[in-house]
PDB file of all heavy atoms in Angstrom:
ATOM      1  N   GLY A   1     -28.383  11.510  25.708  1.00  0.00           N
ATOM      2  CA  GLY A   1     -28.817  11.082  24.378  1.00  0.00           C
ATOM      3  C   GLY A   1     -27.654  10.876  23.425  1.00  0.00           C
ATOM      4  O   GLY A   1     -27.730  10.050  22.514  1.00  0.00           O
ATOM      5  N   ASP A   2     -26.544  11.628  23.646  1.00  0.00           N
ATOM      6  CA  ASP A   2     -25.357  11.448  22.805  1.00  0.00           C
ATOM      7  C   ASP A   2     -24.787  10.044  22.973  1.00  0.00           C
ATOM      8  O   ASP A   2     -24.306   9.430  22.011  1.00  0.00           O
ATOM      9  CB  ASP A   2     -24.290  12.489  23.163  1.00  0.00           C
ATOM     10  CG  ASP A   2     -24.742  13.914  22.872  1.00  0.00           C
ATOM     11  OD1 ASP A   2     -25.561  14.087  21.952  1.00  0.00           O
ATOM     12  OD2 ASP A   2     -24.272  14.831  23.565  1.00  0.00           O
ATOM     13  N   ALA A   3     -24.821   9.559  24.206  1.00  0.00           N
ATOM     14  CA  ALA A   3     -24.339   8.204  24.463  1.00  0.00           C
ATOM     15  C   ALA A   3     -25.229   7.167  23.790  1.00  0.00           C
ATOM     16  O   ALA A   3     -24.747   6.192  23.202  1.00  0.00           O
ATOM     17  CB  ALA A   3     -24.271   7.953  25.972  1.00  0.00           C
ATOM     18  N   LEU A   4     -26.530   7.384  23.842  1.00  0.00           N
ATOM     19  CA  LEU A   4     -27.461   6.428  23.245  1.00  0.00           C
ATOM     20  C   LEU A   4     -27.360   6.394  21.723  1.00  0.00           C
ATOM     21  O   LEU A   4     -27.762   5.412  21.091  1.00  0.00           O
ATOM     22  CB  LEU A   4     -28.891   6.760  23.672  1.00  0.00           C
ATOM     23  CG  LEU A   4     -29.167   6.662  25.183  1.00  0.00           C
ATOM     24  CD1 LEU A   4     -30.616   7.009  25.479  1.00  0.00           C
ATOM     25  CD2 LEU A   4     -28.836   5.268  25.714  1.00  0.00           C
ATOM     26  N   GLN A   5     -26.830   7.475  21.129  1.00  0.00           N
ATOM     27  CA  GLN A   5     -26.662   7.512  19.675  1.00  0.00           C
ATOM     28  C   GLN A   5     -25.727   6.405  19.188  1.00  0.00           C
ATOM     29  O   GLN A   5     -25.796   5.997  18.017  1.00  0.00           O
ATOM     30  CB  GLN A   5     -26.104   8.867  19.247  1.00  0.00           C
ATOM     31  CG  GLN A   5     -27.097  10.018  19.343  1.00  0.00           C
ATOM     32  CD  GLN A   5     -28.227   9.887  18.336  1.00  0.00           C
ATOM     33  OE1 GLN A   5     -28.000   9.555  17.176  1.00  0.00           O
ATOM     34  NE2 GLN A   5     -29.443  10.137  18.777  1.00  0.00           N
ATOM     35  N   LEU A   6     -24.865   5.913  20.059  1.00  0.00           N
ATOM     36  CA  LEU A   6     -23.918   4.869  19.660  1.00  0.00           C
ATOM     37  C   LEU A   6     -24.639   3.596  19.218  1.00  0.00           C
ATOM     38  O   LEU A   6     -24.090   2.809  18.442  1.00  0.00           O
ATOM     39  CB  LEU A   6     -22.961   4.552  20.822  1.00  0.00           C
ATOM     40  CG  LEU A   6     -22.010   5.679  21.234  1.00  0.00           C
ATOM     41  CD1 LEU A   6     -21.200   5.262  22.454  1.00  0.00           C
ATOM     42  CD2 LEU A   6     -21.075   6.063  20.094  1.00  0.00           C
ATOM     43  N   PHE A   7     -25.860   3.380  19.705  1.00  0.00           N
ATOM     44  CA  PHE A   7     -26.609   2.197  19.316  1.00  0.00           C
ATOM     45  C   PHE A   7     -27.031   2.236  17.839  1.00  0.00           C
ATOM     46  O   PHE A   7     -27.504   1.236  17.299  1.00  0.00           O
ATOM     47  CB  PHE A   7     -27.864   2.045  20.194  1.00  0.00           C
ATOM     48  CG  PHE A   7     -27.566   1.533  21.579  1.00  0.00           C
ATOM     49  CD1 PHE A   7     -27.437   2.400  22.652  1.00  0.00           C
ATOM     50  CD2 PHE A   7     -27.412   0.171  21.804  1.00  0.00           C
ATOM     51  CE1 PHE A   7     -27.172   1.927  23.928  1.00  0.00           C
ATOM     52  CE2 PHE A   7     -27.143  -0.310  23.076  1.00  0.00           C
ATOM     53  CZ  PHE A   7     -27.019   0.568  24.143  1.00  0.00           C
ATOM     54  N   ARG A   8     -26.852   3.367  17.193  1.00  0.00           N
ATOM     55  CA  ARG A   8     -27.214   3.486  15.782  1.00  0.00           C
ATOM     56  C   ARG A   8     -26.116   2.990  14.851  1.00  0.00           C
ATOM     57  O   ARG A   8     -26.350   2.803  13.657  1.00  0.00           O
ATOM     58  CB  ARG A   8     -27.529   4.950  15.449  1.00  0.00           C
ATOM     59  CG  ARG A   8     -28.704   5.533  16.220  1.00  0.00           C
ATOM     60  CD  ARG A   8     -28.906   6.998  15.880  1.00  0.00           C
ATOM     61  NE  ARG A   8     -29.084   7.208  14.450  1.00  0.00           N
ATOM     62  CZ  ARG A   8     -29.142   8.400  13.865  1.00  0.00           C
ATOM     63  NH1 ARG A   8     -28.987   9.496  14.596  1.00  0.00           N
ATOM     64  NH2 ARG A   8     -29.306   8.503  12.559  1.00  0.00           N
ATOM     65  N   TYR A   9     -24.917   2.783  15.376  1.00  0.00           N
ATOM     66  CA  TYR A   9     -23.770   2.476  14.531  1.00  0.00           C
ATOM     67  C   TYR A   9     -23.486   0.974  14.486  1.00  0.00           C
ATOM     68  O   TYR A   9     -23.269   0.344  15.531  1.00  0.00           O
ATOM     69  CB  TYR A   9     -22.530   3.220  15.036  1.00  0.00           C
ATOM     70  CG  TYR A   9     -22.730   4.717  15.146  1.00  0.00           C
ATOM     71  CD1 TYR A   9     -22.225   5.421  16.233  1.00  0.00           C
ATOM     72  CD2 TYR A   9     -23.435   5.423  14.172  1.00  0.00           C
ATOM     73  CE1 TYR A   9     -22.396   6.789  16.344  1.00  0.00           C
ATOM     74  CE2 TYR A   9     -23.623   6.789  14.263  1.00  0.00           C
ATOM     75  CZ  TYR A   9     -23.101   7.470  15.368  1.00  0.00           C
ATOM     76  OH  TYR A   9     -23.292   8.822  15.475  1.00  0.00           O
ATOM     77  N   ARG A  10     -23.459   0.414  13.276  1.00  0.00           N
ATOM     78  CA  ARG A  10     -23.200  -1.017  13.126  1.00  0.00           C
ATOM     79  C   ARG A  10     -21.806  -1.388  13.627  1.00  0.00           C
ATOM     80  O   ARG A  10     -21.608  -2.476  14.198  1.00  0.00           O
ATOM     81  CB  ARG A  10     -23.341  -1.415  11.651  1.00  0.00           C
ATOM     82  CG  ARG A  10     -23.263  -2.914  11.420  1.00  0.00           C
ATOM     83  CD  ARG A  10     -23.571  -3.281   9.990  1.00  0.00           C
ATOM     84  NE  ARG A  10     -22.571  -2.711   9.071  1.00  0.00           N
ATOM     85  CZ  ARG A  10     -22.498  -3.021   7.781  1.00  0.00           C
ATOM     86  NH1 ARG A  10     -23.363  -3.882   7.260  1.00  0.00           N
ATOM     87  NH2 ARG A  10     -21.588  -2.455   7.018  1.00  0.00           N
ATOM     88  N   PHE A  11     -20.852  -0.491  13.428  1.00  0.00           N
ATOM     89  CA  PHE A  11     -19.490  -0.740  13.901  1.00  0.00           C
ATOM     90  C   PHE A  11     -19.486  -0.989  15.413  1.00  0.00           C
ATOM     91  O   PHE A  11     -18.821  -1.909  15.908  1.00  0.00           O
ATOM     92  CB  PHE A  11     -18.605   0.465  13.561  1.00  0.00           C
ATOM     93  CG  PHE A  11     -17.143   0.271  13.840  1.00  0.00           C
ATOM     94  CD1 PHE A  11     -16.297  -0.255  12.874  1.00  0.00           C
ATOM     95  CD2 PHE A  11     -16.598   0.613  15.080  1.00  0.00           C
ATOM     96  CE1 PHE A  11     -14.943  -0.427  13.132  1.00  0.00           C
ATOM     97  CE2 PHE A  11     -15.250   0.444  15.340  1.00  0.00           C
ATOM     98  CZ  PHE A  11     -14.426  -0.079  14.360  1.00  0.00           C
ATOM     99  N   MET A  12     -20.236  -0.164  16.152  1.00  0.00           N
ATOM    100  CA  MET A  12     -20.286  -0.313  17.607  1.00  0.00           C
ATOM    101  C   MET A  12     -21.022  -1.587  18.013  1.00  0.00           C
ATOM    102  O   MET A  12     -20.685  -2.210  19.016  1.00  0.00           O
ATOM    103  CB  MET A  12     -20.938   0.913  18.245  1.00  0.00           C
ATOM    104  CG  MET A  12     -20.099   2.183  18.166  1.00  0.00           C
ATOM    105  SD  MET A  12     -18.465   2.013  18.952  1.00  0.00           S
ATOM    106  CE  MET A  12     -18.918   1.712  20.655  1.00  0.00           C
ATOM    107  N   TRP A  13     -22.018  -1.984  17.241  1.00  0.00           N
ATOM    108  CA  TRP A  13     -22.722  -3.230  17.541  1.00  0.00           C
ATOM    109  C   TRP A  13     -21.793  -4.442  17.386  1.00  0.00           C
ATOM    110  O   TRP A  13     -21.834  -5.373  18.203  1.00  0.00           O
ATOM    111  CB  TRP A  13     -23.944  -3.381  16.627  1.00  0.00           C
ATOM    112  CG  TRP A  13     -25.171  -2.720  17.176  1.00  0.00           C
ATOM    113  CD1 TRP A  13     -25.635  -1.477  16.884  1.00  0.00           C
ATOM    114  CD2 TRP A  13     -26.086  -3.281  18.115  1.00  0.00           C
ATOM    115  NE1 TRP A  13     -26.788  -1.215  17.586  1.00  0.00           N
ATOM    116  CE2 TRP A  13     -27.098  -2.304  18.353  1.00  0.00           C
ATOM    117  CE3 TRP A  13     -26.164  -4.501  18.784  1.00  0.00           C
ATOM    118  CZ2 TRP A  13     -28.168  -2.525  19.222  1.00  0.00           C
ATOM    119  CZ3 TRP A  13     -27.231  -4.718  19.656  1.00  0.00           C
ATOM    120  CH2 TRP A  13     -28.214  -3.744  19.874  1.00  0.00           C
ATOM    121  N   ILE A  14     -20.957  -4.424  16.343  1.00  0.00           N
ATOM    122  CA  ILE A  14     -20.014  -5.540  16.162  1.00  0.00           C
ATOM    123  C   ILE A  14     -19.019  -5.577  17.322  1.00  0.00           C
ATOM    124  O   ILE A  14     -18.729  -6.645  17.887  1.00  0.00           O
ATOM    125  CB  ILE A  14     -19.273  -5.412  14.818  1.00  0.00           C
ATOM    126  CG1 ILE A  14     -20.256  -5.535  13.648  1.00  0.00           C
ATOM    127  CG2 ILE A  14     -18.190  -6.486  14.707  1.00  0.00           C
ATOM    128  CD1 ILE A  14     -20.929  -6.878  13.540  1.00  0.00           C
ATOM    129  N   CYS A  15     -18.495  -4.413  17.695  1.00  0.00           N
ATOM    130  CA  CYS A  15     -17.601  -4.351  18.851  1.00  0.00           C
ATOM    131  C   CYS A  15     -18.309  -4.857  20.105  1.00  0.00           C
ATOM    132  O   CYS A  15     -17.738  -5.592  20.915  1.00  0.00           O
ATOM    133  CB  CYS A  15     -17.118  -2.914  19.083  1.00  0.00           C
ATOM    134  SG  CYS A  15     -15.960  -2.295  17.846  1.00  0.00           S
ATOM    135  N   GLY A  16     -19.586  -4.448  20.253  1.00  0.00           N
ATOM    136  CA  GLY A  16     -20.348  -4.867  21.420  1.00  0.00           C
ATOM    137  C   GLY A  16     -20.567  -6.371  21.464  1.00  0.00           C
ATOM    138  O   GLY A  16     -20.493  -6.987  22.540  1.00  0.00           O
ATOM    139  N   LEU A  17     -20.817  -6.999  20.329  1.00  0.00           N
ATOM    140  CA  LEU A  17     -21.028  -8.446  20.301  1.00  0.00           C
ATOM    141  C   LEU A  17     -19.751  -9.200  20.661  1.00  0.00           C
ATOM    142  O   LEU A  17     -19.799 -10.232  21.357  1.00  0.00           O
ATOM    143  CB  LEU A  17     -21.540  -8.874  18.921  1.00  0.00           C
ATOM    144  CG  LEU A  17     -22.973  -8.426  18.597  1.00  0.00           C
ATOM    145  CD1 LEU A  17     -23.298  -8.693  17.127  1.00  0.00           C
ATOM    146  CD2 LEU A  17     -23.972  -9.136  19.508  1.00  0.00           C
ATOM    147  N   ILE A  18     -18.615  -8.702  20.205  1.00  0.00           N
ATOM    148  CA  ILE A  18     -17.349  -9.338  20.578  1.00  0.00           C
ATOM    149  C   ILE A  18     -17.083  -9.135  22.072  1.00  0.00           C
ATOM    150  O   ILE A  18     -16.601 -10.036  22.771  1.00  0.00           O
ATOM    151  CB  ILE A  18     -16.187  -8.793  19.732  1.00  0.00           C
ATOM    152  CG1 ILE A  18     -16.436  -9.045  18.251  1.00  0.00           C
ATOM    153  CG2 ILE A  18     -14.856  -9.444  20.146  1.00  0.00           C
ATOM    154  CD1 ILE A  18     -15.449  -8.370  17.317  1.00  0.00           C
ATOM    155  N   GLN A  19     -17.428  -7.942  22.578  1.00  0.00           N
ATOM    156  CA  GLN A  19     -17.313  -7.702  24.018  1.00  0.00           C
ATOM    157  C   GLN A  19     -18.213  -8.650  24.807  1.00  0.00           C
ATOM    158  O   GLN A  19     -17.840  -9.139  25.872  1.00  0.00           O
ATOM    159  CB  GLN A  19     -17.683  -6.246  24.345  1.00  0.00           C
ATOM    160  CG  GLN A  19     -16.673  -5.204  23.898  1.00  0.00           C
ATOM    161  CD  GLN A  19     -15.523  -5.057  24.873  1.00  0.00           C
ATOM    162  OE1 GLN A  19     -15.268  -5.922  25.710  1.00  0.00           O
ATOM    163  NE2 GLN A  19     -14.818  -3.948  24.774  1.00  0.00           N
ATOM    164  N   TYR A  20     -19.410  -8.883  24.303  1.00  0.00           N
ATOM    165  CA  TYR A  20     -20.360  -9.821  24.930  1.00  0.00           C
ATOM    166  C   TYR A  20     -19.705 -11.193  25.113  1.00  0.00           C
ATOM    167  O   TYR A  20     -19.790 -11.810  26.184  1.00  0.00           O
ATOM    168  CB  TYR A  20     -21.601  -9.929  24.044  1.00  0.00           C
ATOM    169  CG  TYR A  20     -22.667 -10.884  24.532  1.00  0.00           C
ATOM    170  CD1 TYR A  20     -23.717 -10.443  25.321  1.00  0.00           C
ATOM    171  CD2 TYR A  20     -22.644 -12.229  24.154  1.00  0.00           C
ATOM    172  CE1 TYR A  20     -24.708 -11.318  25.750  1.00  0.00           C
ATOM    173  CE2 TYR A  20     -23.621 -13.108  24.572  1.00  0.00           C
ATOM    174  CZ  TYR A  20     -24.661 -12.651  25.375  1.00  0.00           C
ATOM    175  OH  TYR A  20     -25.634 -13.526  25.802  1.00  0.00           O
ATOM    176  N   ILE A  21     -19.044 -11.648  24.064  1.00  0.00           N
ATOM    177  CA  ILE A  21     -18.379 -12.954  24.122  1.00  0.00           C
ATOM    178  C   ILE A  21     -17.146 -12.899  25.007  1.00  0.00           C
ATOM    179  O   ILE A  21     -16.892 -13.817  25.799  1.00  0.00           O
ATOM    180  CB  ILE A  21     -18.030 -13.417  22.703  1.00  0.00           C
ATOM    181  CG1 ILE A  21     -19.322 -13.728  21.934  1.00  0.00           C
ATOM    182  CG2 ILE A  21     -17.095 -14.629  22.720  1.00  0.00           C
ATOM    183  CD1 ILE A  21     -19.143 -13.927  20.449  1.00  0.00           C
ATOM    184  N   ARG A  22     -16.371 -11.808  24.890  1.00  0.00           N
ATOM    185  CA  ARG A  22     -15.124 -11.703  25.665  1.00  0.00           C
ATOM    186  C   ARG A  22     -15.363 -11.900  27.161  1.00  0.00           C
ATOM    187  O   ARG A  22     -14.762 -12.767  27.797  1.00  0.00           O
ATOM    188  CB  ARG A  22     -14.463 -10.339  25.446  1.00  0.00           C
ATOM    189  CG  ARG A  22     -13.202 -10.136  26.306  1.00  0.00           C
ATOM    190  CD  ARG A  22     -12.707  -8.705  26.255  1.00  0.00           C
ATOM    191  NE  ARG A  22     -13.621  -7.755  26.879  1.00  0.00           N
ATOM    192  CZ  ARG A  22     -13.701  -7.520  28.198  1.00  0.00           C
ATOM    193  NH1 ARG A  22     -12.924  -8.185  29.035  1.00  0.00           N
ATOM    194  NH2 ARG A  22     -14.552  -6.631  28.673  1.00  0.00           N
ATOM    195  N   LEU A  23     -16.238 -11.097  27.745  1.00  0.00           N
ATOM    196  CA  LEU A  23     -16.422 -11.189  29.192  1.00  0.00           C
ATOM    197  C   LEU A  23     -17.299 -12.370  29.579  1.00  0.00           C
ATOM    198  O   LEU A  23     -17.175 -12.897  30.687  1.00  0.00           O
ATOM    199  CB  LEU A  23     -17.004  -9.885  29.746  1.00  0.00           C
ATOM    200  CG  LEU A  23     -16.806  -9.709  31.256  1.00  0.00           C
ATOM    201  CD1 LEU A  23     -15.324  -9.717  31.628  1.00  0.00           C
ATOM    202  CD2 LEU A  23     -17.449  -8.421  31.744  1.00  0.00           C
ATOM    203  N   GLY A  24     -18.188 -12.804  28.658  1.00  0.00           N
ATOM    204  CA  GLY A  24     -18.946 -14.015  28.938  1.00  0.00           C
ATOM    205  C   GLY A  24     -18.022 -15.208  29.117  1.00  0.00           C
ATOM    206  O   GLY A  24     -18.175 -16.004  30.058  1.00  0.00           O
TER     207      GLY A  24
END
């Protein structure tokens, strides 16, 4: 559950979206 808490943070979502584009 500690790992899933990261989905609550907007900062991590922005990083995740850039990661989405990077490897895509």
